[in-house]
């Protein structure tokens, strides 16, 4: 991850972009097994979808559209967390720490989007 816990951006468009970017950098350094390649493909799709759907939410046509897009963001962040946990990084300590940081970020994004949904209903 490029930013520490204390300096995460408050702008969710920036934060979700950085999450997707960091996931791609992580994937590039993995051992190229069949499982990692397939799980990596799924992870790339879901991590990028978080930010793309947040941009769509910000351009929503109404409250109902906004809520649907934010719920998709939450779903994609949860899915990213799942695929991150499926990736095999052993026995590389550096990749394990990156995986943990990305998994934590996916969980935080899930919680943020969940809070937005609760406050918007």
Protein backbone atom coordinates (compact mmCIF):
# COMPACT_ATOMS: atom_id res chain seq x y z
CA UNK A 1 0.00 0.00 0.00
CA UNK A 2 1.26 3.47 -0.74
CA UNK A 3 -0.31 5.23 2.22
CA UNK A 4 -0.17 4.61 5.96
CA UNK A 5 -3.25 4.17 8.15
CA UNK A 6 -3.04 7.82 9.23
CA UNK A 7 -2.88 9.33 5.76
CA UNK A 8 -5.68 7.53 3.93
CA UNK A 9 -7.56 9.97 1.72
CA UNK A 10 -11.04 11.01 2.75
CA UNK A 11 -12.05 11.27 -0.92
CA UNK A 12 -13.52 7.86 -1.68
CA UNK A 13 -12.90 8.25 -5.41
CA UNK A 14 -9.19 8.60 -4.68
CA UNK A 15 -9.20 5.86 -2.05
CA UNK A 16 -11.01 3.34 -4.25
CA UNK A 17 -8.74 4.18 -7.19
CA UNK A 18 -5.66 3.61 -5.02
CA UNK A 19 -7.12 0.32 -3.76
CA UNK A 20 -7.58 -0.97 -7.32
CA UNK A 21 -4.10 0.27 -8.31
CA UNK A 22 -2.48 -1.36 -5.29
CA UNK A 23 -4.29 -4.63 -5.98
CA UNK A 24 -2.90 -4.67 -9.53
CA UNK A 25 0.63 -4.03 -8.28
CA UNK A 26 0.21 -6.85 -5.77
CA UNK A 27 -1.08 -9.28 -8.44
CA UNK A 28 1.90 -8.55 -10.71
CA UNK A 29 4.31 -9.82 -8.03
CA UNK A 30 2.54 -13.10 -7.28
CA UNK A 31 3.88 -16.54 -8.16
CA UNK A 32 2.18 -17.47 -11.44
CA UNK A 33 0.19 -20.56 -10.48
CA UNK A 34 -3.06 -21.47 -12.19
CA UNK A 35 -5.00 -20.73 -8.98
CA UNK A 36 -3.33 -17.36 -8.39
CA UNK A 37 -3.92 -16.33 -11.99
CA UNK A 38 -7.64 -17.16 -11.82
CA UNK A 39 -8.12 -15.66 -8.35
CA UNK A 40 -6.09 -12.64 -9.46
CA UNK A 41 -8.35 -12.07 -12.47
CA UNK A 42 -11.41 -12.14 -10.23
CA UNK A 43 -9.73 -9.80 -7.75
CA UNK A 44 -8.77 -7.30 -10.44
CA UNK A 45 -12.39 -7.16 -11.63
CA UNK A 46 -13.95 -6.75 -8.19
CA UNK A 47 -11.39 -4.24 -6.88
CA UNK A 48 -11.80 -2.02 -9.95
CA UNK A 49 -15.56 -2.27 -9.74
CA UNK A 50 -15.59 -0.71 -6.26
CA UNK A 51 -14.31 2.62 -7.58
CA UNK A 52 -16.18 2.50 -10.87
CA UNK A 53 -19.48 2.04 -9.09
CA UNK A 54 -18.66 4.79 -6.61
CA UNK A 55 -18.14 7.18 -9.53
CA UNK A 56 -21.52 6.02 -10.87
CA UNK A 57 -23.08 6.63 -7.43
CA UNK A 58 -21.80 10.19 -7.45
CA UNK A 59 -23.54 10.70 -10.79
CA UNK A 60 -26.75 8.99 -9.68
CA UNK A 61 -30.07 10.07 -11.11
CA UNK A 62 -31.76 9.98 -7.71
CA UNK A 63 -31.61 8.57 -4.20
CA UNK A 64 -32.71 5.08 -5.26
CA UNK A 65 -30.04 4.93 -7.97
CA UNK A 66 -27.42 6.23 -5.51
CA UNK A 67 -28.30 3.55 -2.93
CA UNK A 68 -28.17 0.78 -5.52
CA UNK A 69 -24.69 1.87 -6.70
CA UNK A 70 -23.34 2.18 -3.15
CA UNK A 71 -24.70 -1.28 -2.34
CA UNK A 72 -22.82 -2.58 -5.38
CA UNK A 73 -19.66 -0.86 -4.06
CA UNK A 74 -20.13 -2.66 -0.75
CA UNK A 75 -20.71 -5.98 -2.51
CA UNK A 76 -17.61 -5.59 -4.68
CA UNK A 77 -15.45 -4.62 -1.69
CA UNK A 78 -16.65 -7.76 0.13
CA UNK A 79 -15.89 -9.82 -2.95
CA UNK A 80 -12.42 -8.29 -3.19
CA UNK A 81 -11.80 -9.32 0.41
CA UNK A 82 -12.80 -12.88 -0.48
CA UNK A 83 -10.48 -13.10 -3.51
CA UNK A 84 -7.62 -11.54 -1.55
CA UNK A 85 -7.90 -14.28 1.05
CA UNK A 86 -7.83 -16.94 -1.70
CA UNK A 87 -4.48 -15.76 -3.11
CA UNK A 88 -1.50 -17.93 -2.18
CA UNK A 89 1.45 -15.78 -1.08
CA UNK A 90 3.36 -18.23 1.10
CA UNK A 91 6.17 -18.25 2.01
CA UNK A 92 6.79 -14.60 1.04
CA UNK A 93 6.57 -12.37 4.12
CA UNK A 94 6.45 -9.12 2.12
CA UNK A 95 3.51 -10.36 0.00
CA UNK A 96 1.78 -11.66 3.13
CA UNK A 97 1.95 -8.19 4.71
CA UNK A 98 0.66 -6.60 1.49
CA UNK A 99 -2.15 -9.14 1.34
CA UNK A 100 -3.07 -8.34 4.95
CA UNK A 101 -3.04 -4.59 4.26
CA UNK A 102 -5.20 -4.98 1.14
CA UNK A 103 -7.60 -7.30 2.97
CA UNK A 104 -7.88 -4.69 5.73
CA UNK A 105 -8.55 -1.95 3.17
CA UNK A 106 -11.27 -4.07 1.51
CA UNK A 107 -12.88 -4.58 4.93
CA UNK A 108 -12.70 -0.86 5.70
CA UNK A 109 -14.25 0.02 2.33
CA UNK A 110 -17.01 -2.52 2.99
CA UNK A 111 -17.72 -0.84 6.34
CA UNK A 112 -17.64 2.66 4.85
CA UNK A 113 -20.10 1.76 2.10
CA UNK A 114 -22.29 -0.08 4.61
CA UNK A 115 -22.42 3.06 6.76
CA UNK A 116 -23.34 5.17 3.73
CA UNK A 117 -26.19 2.78 2.94
CA UNK A 118 -27.48 2.86 6.52
CA UNK A 119 -27.34 6.67 6.71
CA UNK A 120 -28.96 7.11 3.30
CA UNK A 121 -32.00 4.91 3.89
